[in-house]
């Protein structure tokens, strides 16, 4: 009998937006390390977003400021909060989320990854 592909789930915290990946072929439980605000989110792309405003693609297919558009996805580019065209509400949300990460969990040693072959 051929082995079937294992499902992977992503558990995301609504409060701090930390993501934990669970499952997959190796049944891995991993939490990516802390990243500074300018390296944490990609720019959101969707036909319904206003031109000239850069939004951060957040969790659950919404921007950090809460906009949800059909077909929205992250782009291949970072969302840069210091840019003049960055959405102010996304910037405010990013600052709040960043402040929620404990200082002790910001180092390279804070990464969590446990895997075992199924």
Protein backbone atom coordinates (compact mmCIF):
# COMPACT_ATOMS: atom_id res chain seq x y z
CA UNK A 1 0.00 0.00 0.00
CA UNK A 2 1.39 3.38 -0.96
CA UNK A 3 1.87 5.90 1.82
CA UNK A 4 -0.44 8.89 1.54
CA UNK A 5 0.78 12.44 1.94
CA UNK A 6 0.46 13.79 5.45
CA UNK A 7 -1.49 16.94 6.04
CA UNK A 8 0.10 20.00 7.52
CA UNK A 9 -1.77 22.48 9.66
CA UNK A 10 -0.75 25.98 10.62
CA UNK A 11 -1.94 27.13 14.02
CA UNK A 12 -1.88 30.90 14.33
CA UNK A 13 -2.22 32.99 17.45
CA UNK A 14 -4.81 35.74 17.07
CA UNK A 15 -3.04 37.82 19.71
CA UNK A 16 0.61 37.84 18.58
CA UNK A 17 0.30 36.26 15.09
CA UNK A 18 2.91 33.61 15.91
CA UNK A 19 2.43 30.60 13.65
CA UNK A 20 3.09 27.00 14.61
CA UNK A 21 3.35 24.44 11.80
CA UNK A 22 2.17 20.94 12.69
CA UNK A 23 2.22 17.82 10.57
CA UNK A 24 3.58 17.08 7.15
CA UNK A 25 5.65 14.08 6.11
CA UNK A 26 7.96 14.40 9.11
CA UNK A 27 5.21 15.41 11.55
CA UNK A 28 7.08 18.55 12.41
CA UNK A 29 6.10 21.02 15.08
CA UNK A 30 7.90 24.26 14.39
CA UNK A 31 7.66 27.91 15.22
CA UNK A 32 9.69 30.29 13.07
CA UNK A 33 12.01 32.64 14.92
CA UNK A 34 11.24 36.27 15.67
CA UNK A 35 11.67 38.64 12.75
CA UNK A 36 11.72 42.43 12.90
CA UNK A 37 8.63 44.24 11.60
CA UNK A 38 10.18 45.11 8.22
CA UNK A 39 10.94 41.42 7.57
CA UNK A 40 7.83 39.76 8.95
CA UNK A 41 5.06 40.51 6.45
CA UNK A 42 4.74 40.47 2.69
CA UNK A 43 2.85 43.13 0.80
CA UNK A 44 -0.78 42.17 0.15
CA UNK A 45 -1.93 41.89 -3.46
CA UNK A 46 -5.57 41.92 -4.60
CA UNK A 47 -7.66 43.58 -7.28
CA UNK A 48 -9.90 45.26 -4.67
CA UNK A 49 -7.15 47.01 -2.72
CA UNK A 50 -6.77 50.76 -3.24
CA UNK A 51 -3.97 51.70 -5.60
CA UNK A 52 -1.09 53.60 -4.04
CA UNK A 53 -1.50 52.13 -0.54
CA UNK A 54 0.72 49.28 0.62
CA UNK A 55 -0.96 46.81 3.02
CA UNK A 56 0.66 44.03 5.02
CA UNK A 57 -0.66 40.52 4.29
CA UNK A 58 -1.53 39.11 7.70
CA UNK A 59 -3.02 35.88 8.95
CA UNK A 60 -6.28 34.36 7.81
CA UNK A 61 -6.15 35.98 4.35
CA UNK A 62 -6.61 39.51 5.70
CA UNK A 63 -4.40 42.56 5.83
CA UNK A 64 -3.14 43.57 9.25
CA UNK A 65 -5.73 46.36 9.23
CA UNK A 66 -8.51 43.82 8.59
CA UNK A 67 -9.27 44.15 4.87
CA UNK A 68 -10.29 40.88 3.22
CA UNK A 69 -10.58 40.67 -0.56
CA UNK A 70 -11.36 37.68 -2.76
CA UNK A 71 -8.15 36.30 -4.22
CA UNK A 72 -5.86 38.31 -1.96
CA UNK A 73 -2.40 36.83 -1.56
CA UNK A 74 1.05 37.79 -0.31
CA UNK A 75 3.38 39.19 -2.93
CA UNK A 76 7.04 38.27 -3.38
CA UNK A 77 8.02 41.56 -1.74
CA UNK A 78 8.29 42.66 1.89
CA UNK A 79 5.76 45.10 3.26
CA UNK A 80 7.89 47.99 4.51
CA UNK A 81 6.17 49.99 7.27
CA UNK A 82 8.58 52.92 6.96
CA UNK A 83 7.52 53.66 3.38
CA UNK A 84 5.34 56.70 2.82
CA UNK A 85 2.62 54.66 1.09
CA UNK A 86 2.39 52.05 3.90
CA UNK A 87 -1.10 51.78 5.39
CA UNK A 88 -1.14 53.57 8.74
CA UNK A 89 -3.56 51.08 10.31
CA UNK A 90 -1.36 48.15 9.19
CA UNK A 91 1.66 49.97 10.66
CA UNK A 92 -0.13 50.47 14.00
CA UNK A 93 -1.16 46.79 14.12
CA UNK A 94 2.40 45.70 13.29
CA UNK A 95 3.82 47.78 16.15
CA UNK A 96 1.30 46.29 18.60
CA UNK A 97 1.96 42.72 17.42
CA UNK A 98 5.73 43.25 17.58
CA UNK A 99 5.50 44.52 21.16
CA UNK A 100 3.70 41.30 22.17
CA UNK A 101 6.70 39.09 21.36
CA UNK A 102 8.58 38.49 24.63
CA UNK A 103 12.19 39.70 24.56
CA UNK A 104 13.33 36.23 25.67
CA UNK A 105 11.75 34.69 22.54
CA UNK A 106 13.52 36.99 20.06
CA UNK A 107 16.89 35.29 19.89
CA UNK A 108 18.01 32.62 17.42
CA UNK A 109 17.82 30.03 20.22
CA UNK A 110 14.08 30.67 20.60
CA UNK A 111 13.21 28.77 17.42
CA UNK A 112 11.28 25.60 18.16
CA UNK A 113 11.36 22.62 15.84
CA UNK A 114 10.66 19.00 16.66
CA UNK A 115 10.27 16.40 13.92
CA UNK A 116 9.88 12.67 13.62
CA UNK A 117 9.29 10.51 10.57
CA UNK A 118 5.83 8.92 10.46
